[in-house]
Amino acid sequence: MEISGIVSAVVIGIVIGVLGRLVVPGRQRIGFLLTIVVGIVAALLGSAIAAGFGVAETKGPDWIEWFIQIGLAAVGVSVLDRARSRR
């Protein structure tokens, strides 16, 4: 992977992670770095799921892919928040 690919994955991870946090109601007890990690994982998994359904490559913005990625990030943030609050 080239450096531009890594930088774009981090930037997309930040955006997806923050949007996922905004979807989840209430205060989350996870840090910014965990949010980025959740966002990167959600972006990668969301892209794979969208490609599997055949909705990843469309003309214009890939809204369905974004919704899948944000939904996965919201689930990831919720799971990590619950795991952190039990400690």
Foldseek 3Di string as FASTA:
>chain_A
DDPVVVVVLQVQLQVLLVLLVVVADDDFPDDSVQSSVLSSVLLVVLLVVCVVVPQNDDPDDSVSSSVSSSPSSNVSSVVVRVVVVVD
